[in-house]
């Protein structure tokens, strides 16, 4: 039997640097540096918050992603991505829904996952 606590959250402080992959299932707030992939189940209600003082080097896969910091790597979101004005993305973004504030930087391709064609 699996019990879910939908109100729990994890916080990675700004003085923390992680080298390696991170898997999470609820809410994750990143203030530090991560050199590795960050992955949540795409069919969950997990949310990833990359704060303005943070940096991620690696791939991100999550249902909901809010970016205020810097990401170097591809991003895959099954629900929504929100890019705040301080966001800097160097990589491709694969999304269902996207919201981008003025000032956000994306150096890569924006690829909508809404088009469900026969090609895979």
PDB file of N, CA and C in Angstrom:
ATOM      1  N   UNK A   1       0.837  -1.179   0.000  1.00  0.00           N
ATOM      2  CA  UNK A   1       0.000   0.000   0.000  1.00  0.00           C
ATOM      3  C   UNK A   1       0.883   1.245   0.000  1.00  0.00           C
ATOM      4  N   UNK A   2       0.591   2.177  -0.878  1.00  0.00           N
ATOM      5  CA  UNK A   2       1.348   3.408  -0.965  1.00  0.00           C
ATOM      6  C   UNK A   2       0.504   4.563  -0.447  1.00  0.00           C
ATOM      7  N   UNK A   3       1.096   5.343   0.432  1.00  0.00           N
ATOM      8  CA  UNK A   3       0.414   6.521   0.952  1.00  0.00           C
ATOM      9  C   UNK A   3       1.114   7.753   0.419  1.00  0.00           C
ATOM     10  N   UNK A   4       0.353   8.691  -0.099  1.00  0.00           N
ATOM     11  CA  UNK A   4       0.935   9.918  -0.630  1.00  0.00           C
ATOM     12  C   UNK A   4       0.621  11.081   0.275  1.00  0.00           C
ATOM     13  N   UNK A   5       1.643  11.855   0.552  1.00  0.00           N
ATOM     14  CA  UNK A   5       1.462  13.099   1.302  1.00  0.00           C
ATOM     15  C   UNK A   5       1.632  14.224   0.297  1.00  0.00           C
ATOM     16  N   UNK A   6       0.549  14.784  -0.174  1.00  0.00           N
ATOM     17  CA  UNK A   6       0.611  15.774  -1.247  1.00  0.00           C
ATOM     18  C   UNK A   6       1.081  17.138  -0.765  1.00  0.00           C
ATOM     19  N   UNK A   7       1.191  17.322   0.542  1.00  0.00           N
ATOM     20  CA  UNK A   7       1.598  18.636   1.040  1.00  0.00           C
ATOM     21  C   UNK A   7       3.078  18.694   1.402  1.00  0.00           C
ATOM     22  N   UNK A   8       3.811  17.603   1.236  1.00  0.00           N
ATOM     23  CA  UNK A   8       5.219  17.622   1.626  1.00  0.00           C
ATOM     24  C   UNK A   8       6.080  18.261   0.551  1.00  0.00           C
ATOM     25  N   UNK A   9       7.188  18.826   0.994  1.00  0.00           N
ATOM     26  CA  UNK A   9       8.115  19.486   0.083  1.00  0.00           C
ATOM     27  C   UNK A   9       9.530  19.268   0.589  1.00  0.00           C
ATOM     28  N   UNK A  10      10.479  19.281  -0.342  1.00  0.00           N
ATOM     29  CA  UNK A  10      11.896  19.183  -0.007  1.00  0.00           C
ATOM     30  C   UNK A  10      12.578  20.462  -0.459  1.00  0.00           C
ATOM     31  N   UNK A  11      13.583  20.871   0.303  1.00  0.00           N
ATOM     32  CA  UNK A  11      14.297  22.113   0.017  1.00  0.00           C
ATOM     33  C   UNK A  11      15.785  21.837  -0.034  1.00  0.00           C
ATOM     34  N   UNK A  12      16.416  22.236  -1.132  1.00  0.00           N
ATOM     35  CA  UNK A  12      17.875  22.158  -1.255  1.00  0.00           C
ATOM     36  C   UNK A  12      18.410  23.581  -1.109  1.00  0.00           C
ATOM     37  N   UNK A  13      19.105  23.853  -0.021  1.00  0.00           N
ATOM     38  CA  UNK A  13      19.578  25.199   0.300  1.00  0.00           C
ATOM     39  C   UNK A  13      20.677  25.669  -0.652  1.00  0.00           C
ATOM     40  N   UNK A  14      20.930  26.985  -0.681  1.00  0.00           N
ATOM     41  CA  UNK A  14      21.864  27.556  -1.651  1.00  0.00           C
ATOM     42  C   UNK A  14      23.319  27.219  -1.367  1.00  0.00           C
ATOM     43  N   UNK A  15      23.660  26.796  -0.146  1.00  0.00           N
ATOM     44  CA  UNK A  15      25.046  26.417   0.126  1.00  0.00           C
ATOM     45  C   UNK A  15      25.296  24.944  -0.182  1.00  0.00           C
ATOM     46  N   UNK A  16      24.318  24.259  -0.776  1.00  0.00           N
ATOM     47  CA  UNK A  16      24.409  22.842  -1.083  1.00  0.00           C
ATOM     48  C   UNK A  16      24.732  22.643  -2.554  1.00  0.00           C
ATOM     49  N   UNK A  17      25.689  21.756  -2.830  1.00  0.00           N
ATOM     50  CA  UNK A  17      26.001  21.372  -4.207  1.00  0.00           C
ATOM     51  C   UNK A  17      25.907  19.863  -4.293  1.00  0.00           C
ATOM     52  N   UNK A  18      25.123  19.386  -5.250  1.00  0.00           N
ATOM     53  CA  UNK A  18      24.911  17.953  -5.420  1.00  0.00           C
ATOM     54  C   UNK A  18      25.470  17.535  -6.766  1.00  0.00           C
ATOM     55  N   UNK A  19      26.252  16.457  -6.736  1.00  0.00           N
ATOM     56  CA  UNK A  19      26.735  15.838  -7.965  1.00  0.00           C
ATOM     57  C   UNK A  19      26.100  14.459  -8.022  1.00  0.00           C
ATOM     58  N   UNK A  20      25.156  14.299  -8.928  1.00  0.00           N
ATOM     59  CA  UNK A  20      24.407  13.053  -9.036  1.00  0.00           C
ATOM     60  C   UNK A  20      22.955  13.335  -9.357  1.00  0.00           C
ATOM     61  N   UNK A  21      22.212  12.292  -9.643  1.00  0.00           N
ATOM     62  CA  UNK A  21      20.813  12.433 -10.026  1.00  0.00           C
ATOM     63  C   UNK A  21      19.910  12.529  -8.810  1.00  0.00           C
ATOM     64  N   UNK A  22      18.798  13.236  -8.982  1.00  0.00           N
ATOM     65  CA  UNK A  22      17.810  13.398  -7.918  1.00  0.00           C
ATOM     66  C   UNK A  22      16.467  12.902  -8.440  1.00  0.00           C
ATOM     67  N   UNK A  23      15.802  12.066  -7.640  1.00  0.00           N
ATOM     68  CA  UNK A  23      14.441  11.624  -7.941  1.00  0.00           C
ATOM     69  C   UNK A  23      13.547  12.114  -6.810  1.00  0.00           C
ATOM     70  N   UNK A  24      12.378  12.672  -7.172  1.00  0.00           N
ATOM     71  CA  UNK A  24      11.451  13.184  -6.162  1.00  0.00           C
ATOM     72  C   UNK A  24      10.027  12.915  -6.602  1.00  0.00           C
ATOM     73  N   UNK A  25       9.072  13.041  -5.643  1.00  0.00           N
ATOM     74  CA  UNK A  25       7.682  12.735  -5.974  1.00  0.00           C
ATOM     75  C   UNK A  25       6.701  13.829  -5.602  1.00  0.00           C
ATOM     76  N   UNK A  26       7.055  14.771  -4.763  1.00  0.00           N
ATOM     77  CA  UNK A  26       6.120  15.819  -4.358  1.00  0.00           C
ATOM     78  C   UNK A  26       6.612  17.175  -4.861  1.00  0.00           C
ATOM     79  N   UNK A  27       6.958  18.081  -3.975  1.00  0.00           N
ATOM     80  CA  UNK A  27       7.480  19.391  -4.363  1.00  0.00           C
ATOM     81  C   UNK A  27       8.947  19.471  -3.988  1.00  0.00           C
ATOM     82  N   UNK A  28       9.757  19.995  -4.902  1.00  0.00           N
ATOM     83  CA  UNK A  28      11.184  20.162  -4.655  1.00  0.00           C
ATOM     84  C   UNK A  28      11.575  21.595  -4.987  1.00  0.00           C
ATOM     85  N   UNK A  29      12.165  22.283  -4.001  1.00  0.00           N
ATOM     86  CA  UNK A  29      12.647  23.655  -4.162  1.00  0.00           C
ATOM     87  C   UNK A  29      14.167  23.615  -4.181  1.00  0.00           C
ATOM     88  N   UNK A  30      14.767  24.112  -5.267  1.00  0.00           N
ATOM     89  CA  UNK A  30      16.217  24.074  -5.430  1.00  0.00           C
ATOM     90  C   UNK A  30      16.768  25.490  -5.334  1.00  0.00           C
ATOM     91  N   UNK A  31      17.664  25.701  -4.367  1.00  0.00           N
ATOM     92  CA  UNK A  31      18.385  26.969  -4.239  1.00  0.00           C
ATOM     93  C   UNK A  31      19.865  26.810  -4.565  1.00  0.00           C
ATOM     94  N   UNK A  32      20.383  25.599  -4.551  1.00  0.00           N
ATOM     95  CA  UNK A  32      21.813  25.357  -4.715  1.00  0.00           C
ATOM     96  C   UNK A  32      22.185  24.985  -6.136  1.00  0.00           C
ATOM     97  N   UNK A  33      23.296  24.225  -6.247  1.00  0.00           N
ATOM     98  CA  UNK A  33      23.797  23.767  -7.537  1.00  0.00           C
ATOM     99  C   UNK A  33      23.623  22.266  -7.634  1.00  0.00           C
ATOM    100  N   UNK A  34      23.148  21.822  -8.786  1.00  0.00           N
ATOM    101  CA  UNK A  34      22.990  20.396  -9.034  1.00  0.00           C
ATOM    102  C   UNK A  34      23.653  20.071 -10.358  1.00  0.00           C
ATOM    103  N   UNK A  35      24.564  19.108 -10.316  1.00  0.00           N
ATOM    104  CA  UNK A  35      25.190  18.597 -11.523  1.00  0.00           C
ATOM    105  C   UNK A  35      24.693  17.168 -11.688  1.00  0.00           C
ATOM    106  N   UNK A  36      23.558  17.026 -12.341  1.00  0.00           N
ATOM    107  CA  UNK A  36      22.911  15.736 -12.521  1.00  0.00           C
ATOM    108  C   UNK A  36      21.474  15.935 -12.951  1.00  0.00           C
ATOM    109  N   UNK A  37      20.806  14.854 -13.243  1.00  0.00           N
ATOM    110  CA  UNK A  37      19.421  14.909 -13.696  1.00  0.00           C
ATOM    111  C   UNK A  37      18.463  15.006 -12.520  1.00  0.00           C
ATOM    112  N   UNK A  38      17.340  15.674 -12.735  1.00  0.00           N
ATOM    113  CA  UNK A  38      16.283  15.777 -11.729  1.00  0.00           C
ATOM    114  C   UNK A  38      15.028  15.182 -12.355  1.00  0.00           C
ATOM    115  N   UNK A  39      14.491  14.124 -11.711  1.00  0.00           N
ATOM    116  CA  UNK A  39      13.403  13.383 -12.332  1.00  0.00           C
ATOM    117  C   UNK A  39      12.278  13.116 -11.331  1.00  0.00           C
ATOM    118  N   UNK A  40      11.048  13.367 -11.779  1.00  0.00           N
ATOM    119  CA  UNK A  40       9.834  13.031 -11.023  1.00  0.00           C
ATOM    120  C   UNK A  40       8.944  12.203 -11.940  1.00  0.00           C
ATOM    121  N   UNK A  41       8.073  11.364 -11.380  1.00  0.00           N
ATOM    122  CA  UNK A  41       7.137  10.618 -12.230  1.00  0.00           C
ATOM    123  C   UNK A  41       6.269  11.579 -13.050  1.00  0.00           C
ATOM    124  N   UNK A  42       6.234  11.379 -14.349  1.00  0.00           N
ATOM    125  CA  UNK A  42       5.525  12.308 -15.231  1.00  0.00           C
ATOM    126  C   UNK A  42       4.016  12.262 -15.053  1.00  0.00           C
ATOM    127  N   UNK A  43       3.494  11.210 -14.430  1.00  0.00           N
ATOM    128  CA  UNK A  43       2.054  11.101 -14.205  1.00  0.00           C
ATOM    129  C   UNK A  43       1.673  11.486 -12.768  1.00  0.00           C
ATOM    130  N   UNK A  44       2.595  12.137 -12.059  1.00  0.00           N
ATOM    131  CA  UNK A  44       2.339  12.545 -10.668  1.00  0.00           C
ATOM    132  C   UNK A  44       1.930  14.016 -10.613  1.00  0.00           C
ATOM    133  N   UNK A  45       1.789  14.531  -9.398  1.00  0.00           N
ATOM    134  CA  UNK A  45       1.506  15.951  -9.202  1.00  0.00           C
ATOM    135  C   UNK A  45       2.758  16.672  -8.703  1.00  0.00           C
ATOM    136  N   UNK A  46       3.910  16.101  -8.977  1.00  0.00           N
ATOM    137  CA  UNK A  46       5.180  16.669  -8.528  1.00  0.00           C
ATOM    138  C   UNK A  46       5.439  18.020  -9.190  1.00  0.00           C
ATOM    139  N   UNK A  47       6.074  18.906  -8.417  1.00  0.00           N
ATOM    140  CA  UNK A  47       6.419  20.233  -8.921  1.00  0.00           C
ATOM    141  C   UNK A  47       7.858  20.545  -8.539  1.00  0.00           C
ATOM    142  N   UNK A  48       8.606  21.090  -9.487  1.00  0.00           N
ATOM    143  CA  UNK A  48      10.001  21.461  -9.280  1.00  0.00           C
ATOM    144  C   UNK A  48      10.132  22.964  -9.401  1.00  0.00           C
ATOM    145  N   UNK A  49      10.755  23.582  -8.398  1.00  0.00           N
ATOM    146  CA  UNK A  49      10.950  25.034  -8.369  1.00  0.00           C
ATOM    147  C   UNK A  49      12.454  25.312  -8.368  1.00  0.00           C
ATOM    148  N   UNK A  50      12.961  25.850  -9.477  1.00  0.00           N
ATOM    149  CA  UNK A  50      14.372  26.215  -9.594  1.00  0.00           C
ATOM    150  C   UNK A  50      14.463  27.699  -9.267  1.00  0.00           C
ATOM    151  N   UNK A  51      14.969  28.017  -8.085  1.00  0.00           N
ATOM    152  CA  UNK A  51      14.988  29.396  -7.596  1.00  0.00           C
ATOM    153  C   UNK A  51      16.049  30.234  -8.322  1.00  0.00           C
ATOM    154  N   UNK A  52      15.973  31.547  -8.195  1.00  0.00           N
ATOM    155  CA  UNK A  52      16.830  32.454  -8.952  1.00  0.00           C
ATOM    156  C   UNK A  52      18.309  32.321  -8.608  1.00  0.00           C
ATOM    157  N   UNK A  53      18.627  31.822  -7.423  1.00  0.00           N
ATOM    158  CA  UNK A  53      20.027  31.671  -7.016  1.00  0.00           C
ATOM    159  C   UNK A  53      20.540  30.259  -7.253  1.00  0.00           C
ATOM    160  N   UNK A  54      19.909  29.516  -8.172  1.00  0.00           N
ATOM    161  CA  UNK A  54      20.276  28.121  -8.382  1.00  0.00           C
ATOM    162  C   UNK A  54      20.767  27.854  -9.795  1.00  0.00           C
ATOM    163  N   UNK A  55      21.464  26.709  -9.924  1.00  0.00           N
ATOM    164  CA  UNK A  55      21.984  26.285 -11.223  1.00  0.00           C
ATOM    165  C   UNK A  55      21.866  24.777 -11.324  1.00  0.00           C
ATOM    166  N   UNK A  56      21.327  24.312 -12.451  1.00  0.00           N
ATOM    167  CA  UNK A  56      21.202  22.880 -12.706  1.00  0.00           C
ATOM    168  C   UNK A  56      21.904  22.576 -14.015  1.00  0.00           C
ATOM    169  N   UNK A  57      22.797  21.585 -13.973  1.00  0.00           N
ATOM    170  CA  UNK A  57      23.443  21.084 -15.181  1.00  0.00           C
ATOM    171  C   UNK A  57      22.995  19.644 -15.337  1.00  0.00           C
ATOM    172  N   UNK A  58      22.033  19.417 -16.210  1.00  0.00           N
ATOM    173  CA  UNK A  58      21.486  18.081 -16.406  1.00  0.00           C
ATOM    174  C   UNK A  58      20.081  18.156 -16.954  1.00  0.00           C
ATOM    175  N   UNK A  59      19.522  17.003 -17.215  1.00  0.00           N
ATOM    176  CA  UNK A  59      18.172  16.904 -17.765  1.00  0.00           C
ATOM    177  C   UNK A  59      17.140  16.976 -16.646  1.00  0.00           C
ATOM    178  N   UNK A  60      16.010  17.604 -16.956  1.00  0.00           N
ATOM    179  CA  UNK A  60      14.903  17.704 -16.005  1.00  0.00           C
ATOM    180  C   UNK A  60      13.677  17.056 -16.614  1.00  0.00           C
ATOM    181  N   UNK A  61      13.010  16.202 -15.811  1.00  0.00           N
ATOM    182  CA  UNK A  61      11.746  15.575 -16.213  1.00  0.00           C
ATOM    183  C   UNK A  61      10.793  15.669 -15.040  1.00  0.00           C
ATOM    184  N   UNK A  62       9.697  16.426 -15.221  1.00  0.00           N
ATOM    185  CA  UNK A  62       8.718  16.614 -14.151  1.00  0.00           C
ATOM    186  C   UNK A  62       7.405  17.108 -14.756  1.00  0.00           C
ATOM    187  N   UNK A  63       6.291  16.898 -14.055  1.00  0.00           N
ATOM    188  CA  UNK A  63       5.008  17.390 -14.568  1.00  0.00           C
ATOM    189  C   UNK A  63       4.910  18.911 -14.580  1.00  0.00           C
ATOM    190  N   UNK A  64       5.400  19.545 -13.513  1.00  0.00           N
ATOM    191  CA  UNK A  64       5.318  21.001 -13.385  1.00  0.00           C
ATOM    192  C   UNK A  64       6.693  21.535 -13.012  1.00  0.00           C
ATOM    193  N   UNK A  65       7.175  22.525 -13.764  1.00  0.00           N
ATOM    194  CA  UNK A  65       8.485  23.115 -13.500  1.00  0.00           C
ATOM    195  C   UNK A  65       8.341  24.628 -13.532  1.00  0.00           C
ATOM    196  N   UNK A  66       8.855  25.288 -12.484  1.00  0.00           N
ATOM    197  CA  UNK A  66       8.902  26.745 -12.418  1.00  0.00           C
ATOM    198  C   UNK A  66      10.373  27.129 -12.314  1.00  0.00           C
ATOM    199  N   UNK A  67      10.854  27.928 -13.281  1.00  0.00           N
ATOM    200  CA  UNK A  67      12.278  28.246 -13.354  1.00  0.00           C
ATOM    201  C   UNK A  67      12.507  29.733 -13.158  1.00  0.00           C
ATOM    202  N   UNK A  68      13.334  30.050 -12.159  1.00  0.00           N
ATOM    203  CA  UNK A  68      13.824  31.414 -11.972  1.00  0.00           C
ATOM    204  C   UNK A  68      15.336  31.460 -12.111  1.00  0.00           C
ATOM    205  N   UNK A  69      15.990  30.304 -12.071  1.00  0.00           N
ATOM    206  CA  UNK A  69      17.451  30.209 -12.110  1.00  0.00           C
ATOM    207  C   UNK A  69      17.966  29.784 -13.472  1.00  0.00           C
ATOM    208  N   UNK A  70      19.127  29.094 -13.457  1.00  0.00           N
ATOM    209  CA  UNK A  70      19.824  28.702 -14.679  1.00  0.00           C
ATOM    210  C   UNK A  70      19.783  27.188 -14.845  1.00  0.00           C
ATOM    211  N   UNK A  71      19.469  26.743 -16.058  1.00  0.00           N
ATOM    212  CA  UNK A  71      19.461  25.321 -16.382  1.00  0.00           C
ATOM    213  C   UNK A  71      20.247  25.107 -17.662  1.00  0.00           C
ATOM    214  N   UNK A  72      21.185  24.166 -17.602  1.00  0.00           N
ATOM    215  CA  UNK A  72      21.929  23.729 -18.790  1.00  0.00           C
ATOM    216  C   UNK A  72      21.559  22.278 -19.030  1.00  0.00           C
ATOM    217  N   UNK A  73      20.613  22.051 -19.923  1.00  0.00           N
ATOM    218  CA  UNK A  73      20.138  20.700 -20.216  1.00  0.00           C
ATOM    219  C   UNK A  73      18.715  20.751 -20.714  1.00  0.00           C
ATOM    220  N   UNK A  74      18.268  19.642 -21.265  1.00  0.00           N
ATOM    221  CA  UNK A  74      16.913  19.570 -21.805  1.00  0.00           C
ATOM    222  C   UNK A  74      15.895  19.427 -20.682  1.00  0.00           C
ATOM    223  N   UNK A  75      14.702  19.952 -20.920  1.00  0.00           N
ATOM    224  CA  UNK A  75      13.611  19.920 -19.943  1.00  0.00           C
ATOM    225  C   UNK A  75      12.403  19.257 -20.599  1.00  0.00           C
ATOM    226  N   UNK A  76      11.796  18.296 -19.875  1.00  0.00           N
ATOM    227  CA  UNK A  76      10.596  17.606 -20.334  1.00  0.00           C
ATOM    228  C   UNK A  76       9.525  17.794 -19.270  1.00  0.00           C
ATOM    229  N   UNK A  77       8.394  18.408 -19.634  1.00  0.00           N
ATOM    230  CA  UNK A  77       7.302  18.614 -18.677  1.00  0.00           C
ATOM    231  C   UNK A  77       6.013  18.015 -19.253  1.00  0.00           C
ATOM    232  N   UNK A  78       5.292  17.282 -18.401  1.00  0.00           N
ATOM    233  CA  UNK A  78       4.063  16.645 -18.864  1.00  0.00           C
ATOM    234  C   UNK A  78       2.836  17.531 -18.650  1.00  0.00           C
ATOM    235  N   UNK A  79       2.974  18.592 -17.838  1.00  0.00           N
ATOM    236  CA  UNK A  79       1.850  19.505 -17.628  1.00  0.00           C
ATOM    237  C   UNK A  79       2.208  20.933 -18.022  1.00  0.00           C
ATOM    238  N   UNK A  80       3.081  21.594 -17.245  1.00  0.00           N
ATOM    239  CA  UNK A  80       3.309  23.031 -17.462  1.00  0.00           C
ATOM    240  C   UNK A  80       4.704  23.431 -17.040  1.00  0.00           C
ATOM    241  N   UNK A  81       5.280  24.363 -17.796  1.00  0.00           N
ATOM    242  CA  UNK A  81       6.535  24.999 -17.405  1.00  0.00           C
ATOM    243  C   UNK A  81       6.306  26.499 -17.368  1.00  0.00           C
ATOM    244  N   UNK A  82       6.843  27.130 -16.339  1.00  0.00           N
ATOM    245  CA  UNK A  82       6.748  28.574 -16.181  1.00  0.00           C
ATOM    246  C   UNK A  82       8.168  29.126 -16.081  1.00  0.00           C
ATOM    247  N   UNK A  83       8.518  30.012 -17.004  1.00  0.00           N
ATOM    248  CA  UNK A  83       9.840  30.628 -17.019  1.00  0.00           C
ATOM    249  C   UNK A  83       9.712  32.058 -16.513  1.00  0.00           C
ATOM    250  N   UNK A  84      10.295  32.319 -15.368  1.00  0.00           N
ATOM    251  CA  UNK A  84      10.255  33.654 -14.776  1.00  0.00           C
ATOM    252  C   UNK A  84      11.268  34.555 -15.481  1.00  0.00           C
ATOM    253  N   UNK A  85      11.227  35.845 -15.210  1.00  0.00           N
ATOM    254  CA  UNK A  85      12.062  36.815 -15.926  1.00  0.00           C
ATOM    255  C   UNK A  85      13.558  36.578 -15.736  1.00  0.00           C
ATOM    256  N   UNK A  86      13.963  35.932 -14.646  1.00  0.00           N
ATOM    257  CA  UNK A  86      15.384  35.677 -14.382  1.00  0.00           C
ATOM    258  C   UNK A  86      15.855  34.310 -14.889  1.00  0.00           C
ATOM    259  N   UNK A  87      14.972  33.550 -15.545  1.00  0.00           N
ATOM    260  CA  UNK A  87      15.316  32.210 -16.033  1.00  0.00           C
ATOM    261  C   UNK A  87      16.291  32.284 -17.198  1.00  0.00           C
ATOM    262  N   UNK A  88      17.270  31.374 -17.166  1.00  0.00           N
ATOM    263  CA  UNK A  88      18.228  31.226 -18.260  1.00  0.00           C
ATOM    264  C   UNK A  88      18.326  29.741 -18.579  1.00  0.00           C
ATOM    265  N   UNK A  89      17.857  29.371 -19.781  1.00  0.00           N
ATOM    266  CA  UNK A  89      17.826  27.973 -20.197  1.00  0.00           C
ATOM    267  C   UNK A  89      18.755  27.786 -21.384  1.00  0.00           C
ATOM    268  N   UNK A  90      19.677  26.838 -21.253  1.00  0.00           N
ATOM    269  CA  UNK A  90      20.521  26.413 -22.368  1.00  0.00           C
ATOM    270  C   UNK A  90      20.178  24.954 -22.636  1.00  0.00           C
ATOM    271  N   UNK A  91      19.179  24.744 -23.480  1.00  0.00           N
ATOM    272  CA  UNK A  91      18.703  23.405 -23.784  1.00  0.00           C
ATOM    273  C   UNK A  91      17.316  23.471 -24.381  1.00  0.00           C
ATOM    274  N   UNK A  92      16.842  22.346 -24.825  1.00  0.00           N
ATOM    275  CA  UNK A  92      15.524  22.261 -25.449  1.00  0.00           C
ATOM    276  C   UNK A  92      14.450  22.065 -24.383  1.00  0.00           C
ATOM    277  N   UNK A  93      13.275  22.627 -24.628  1.00  0.00           N
ATOM    278  CA  UNK A  93      12.146  22.492 -23.706  1.00  0.00           C
ATOM    279  C   UNK A  93      11.023  21.758 -24.427  1.00  0.00           C
ATOM    280  N   UNK A  94      10.629  20.602 -23.881  1.00  0.00           N
ATOM    281  CA  UNK A  94       9.529  19.804 -24.403  1.00  0.00           C
ATOM    282  C   UNK A  94       8.370  19.981 -23.426  1.00  0.00           C
ATOM    283  N   UNK A  95       7.267  20.544 -23.870  1.00  0.00           N
ATOM    284  CA  UNK A  95       6.220  20.991 -22.957  1.00  0.00           C
ATOM    285  C   UNK A  95       4.830  20.719 -23.505  1.00  0.00           C
ATOM    286  N   UNK A  96       3.839  20.710 -22.609  1.00  0.00           N
ATOM    287  CA  UNK A  96       2.432  20.689 -22.980  1.00  0.00           C
ATOM    288  C   UNK A  96       1.894  22.119 -22.915  1.00  0.00           C
ATOM    289  N   UNK A  97       2.245  22.831 -21.840  1.00  0.00           N
ATOM    290  CA  UNK A  97       1.840  24.226 -21.673  1.00  0.00           C
ATOM    291  C   UNK A  97       3.060  25.014 -21.194  1.00  0.00           C
ATOM    292  N   UNK A  98       3.246  26.211 -21.740  1.00  0.00           N
ATOM    293  CA  UNK A  98       4.396  27.034 -21.364  1.00  0.00           C
ATOM    294  C   UNK A  98       3.940  28.461 -21.071  1.00  0.00           C
ATOM    295  N   UNK A  99       4.575  29.059 -20.061  1.00  0.00           N
ATOM    296  CA  UNK A  99       4.344  30.465 -19.726  1.00  0.00           C
ATOM    297  C   UNK A  99       5.727  31.082 -19.562  1.00  0.00           C
ATOM    298  N   UNK A 100       5.971  32.186 -20.262  1.00  0.00           N
ATOM    299  CA  UNK A 100       7.291  32.798 -20.239  1.00  0.00           C
ATOM    300  C   UNK A 100       7.170  34.292 -19.953  1.00  0.00           C
ATOM    301  N   UNK A 101       7.830  34.729 -18.881  1.00  0.00           N
ATOM    302  CA  UNK A 101       7.850  36.152 -18.544  1.00  0.00           C
ATOM    303  C   UNK A 101       8.858  36.892 -19.411  1.00  0.00           C
ATOM    304  N   UNK A 102       8.625  38.182 -19.595  1.00  0.00           N
ATOM    305  CA  UNK A 102       9.563  39.015 -20.329  1.00  0.00           C
ATOM    306  C   UNK A 102      10.906  39.016 -19.619  1.00  0.00           C
ATOM    307  N   UNK A 103      11.980  38.787 -20.384  1.00  0.00           N
ATOM    308  CA  UNK A 103      13.319  38.744 -19.823  1.00  0.00           C
ATOM    309  C   UNK A 103      13.881  37.341 -19.708  1.00  0.00           C
ATOM    310  N   UNK A 104      13.022  36.326 -19.736  1.00  0.00           N
ATOM    311  CA  UNK A 104      13.492  34.941 -19.684  1.00  0.00           C
ATOM    312  C   UNK A 104      14.281  34.624 -20.949  1.00  0.00           C
ATOM    313  N   UNK A 105      15.372  33.859 -20.792  1.00  0.00           N
ATOM    314  CA  UNK A 105      16.229  33.514 -21.923  1.00  0.00           C
ATOM    315  C   UNK A 105      16.166  32.018 -22.186  1.00  0.00           C
ATOM    316  N   UNK A 106      15.950  31.657 -23.460  1.00  0.00           N
ATOM    317  CA  UNK A 106      15.971  30.255 -23.864  1.00  0.00           C
ATOM    318  C   UNK A 106      16.884  30.129 -25.068  1.00  0.00           C
ATOM    319  N   UNK A 107      17.948  29.359 -24.916  1.00  0.00           N
ATOM    320  CA  UNK A 107      18.861  29.055 -26.016  1.00  0.00           C
ATOM    321  C   UNK A 107      18.667  27.578 -26.345  1.00  0.00           C
ATOM    322  N   UNK A 108      17.667  27.319 -27.183  1.00  0.00           N
ATOM    323  CA  UNK A 108      17.308  25.955 -27.541  1.00  0.00           C
ATOM    324  C   UNK A 108      15.978  25.955 -28.265  1.00  0.00           C
ATOM    325  N   UNK A 109      15.445  24.776 -28.467  1.00  0.00           N
ATOM    326  CA  UNK A 109      14.204  24.598 -29.216  1.00  0.00           C
ATOM    327  C   UNK A 109      13.037  24.432 -28.246  1.00  0.00           C
ATOM    328  N   UNK A 110      11.920  25.094 -28.550  1.00  0.00           N
ATOM    329  CA  UNK A 110      10.672  24.886 -27.812  1.00  0.00           C
ATOM    330  C   UNK A 110       9.852  23.883 -28.610  1.00  0.00           C
ATOM    331  N   UNK A 111       9.585  22.720 -28.018  1.00  0.00           N
ATOM    332  CA  UNK A 111       8.875  21.657 -28.724  1.00  0.00           C
ATOM    333  C   UNK A 111       7.595  21.311 -27.976  1.00  0.00           C
ATOM    334  N   UNK A 112       6.460  21.585 -28.601  1.00  0.00           N
ATOM    335  CA  UNK A 112       5.163  21.300 -27.983  1.00  0.00           C
ATOM    336  C   UNK A 112       4.879  19.804 -28.041  1.00  0.00           C
ATOM    337  N   UNK A 113       4.440  19.257 -26.908  1.00  0.00           N
ATOM    338  CA  UNK A 113       4.045  17.848 -26.846  1.00  0.00           C
ATOM    339  C   UNK A 113       2.559  17.679 -27.097  1.00  0.00           C
ATOM    340  N   UNK A 114       1.844  18.762 -27.394  1.00  0.00           N
ATOM    341  CA  UNK A 114       0.409  18.702 -27.656  1.00  0.00           C
ATOM    342  C   UNK A 114       0.100  18.006 -28.969  1.00  0.00           C
ATOM    343  N   UNK A 115       1.025  18.067 -29.908  1.00  0.00           N
ATOM    344  CA  UNK A 115       0.817  17.446 -31.222  1.00  0.00           C
ATOM    345  C   UNK A 115       1.107  15.955 -31.105  1.00  0.00           C
ATOM    346  N   UNK A 116       0.088  15.164 -30.991  1.00  0.00           N
ATOM    347  CA  UNK A 116       0.255  13.718 -30.854  1.00  0.00           C
ATOM    348  C   UNK A 116       0.088  13.068 -32.220  1.00  0.00           C
ATOM    349  N   UNK A 117       1.144  13.143 -33.016  1.00  0.00           N
ATOM    350  CA  UNK A 117       1.094  12.553 -34.357  1.00  0.00           C
ATOM    351  C   UNK A 117       1.562  11.098 -34.279  1.00  0.00           C
ATOM    352  N   UNK A 118       1.578  10.425 -35.408  1.00  0.00           N
ATOM    353  CA  UNK A 118       1.949   9.002 -35.447  1.00  0.00           C
ATOM    354  C   UNK A 118       3.446   8.804 -35.284  1.00  0.00           C
ATOM    355  N   UNK A 119       4.254   9.830 -35.460  1.00  0.00           N
ATOM    356  CA  UNK A 119       5.702   9.680 -35.361  1.00  0.00           C
ATOM    357  C   UNK A 119       6.127   9.633 -33.914  1.00  0.00           C
ATOM    358  N   UNK A 120       7.091   8.769 -33.630  1.00  0.00           N
ATOM    359  CA  UNK A 120       7.598   8.656 -32.262  1.00  0.00           C
ATOM    360  C   UNK A 120       9.089   8.710 -32.239  1.00  0.00           C
TER     361      UNK A 120
END
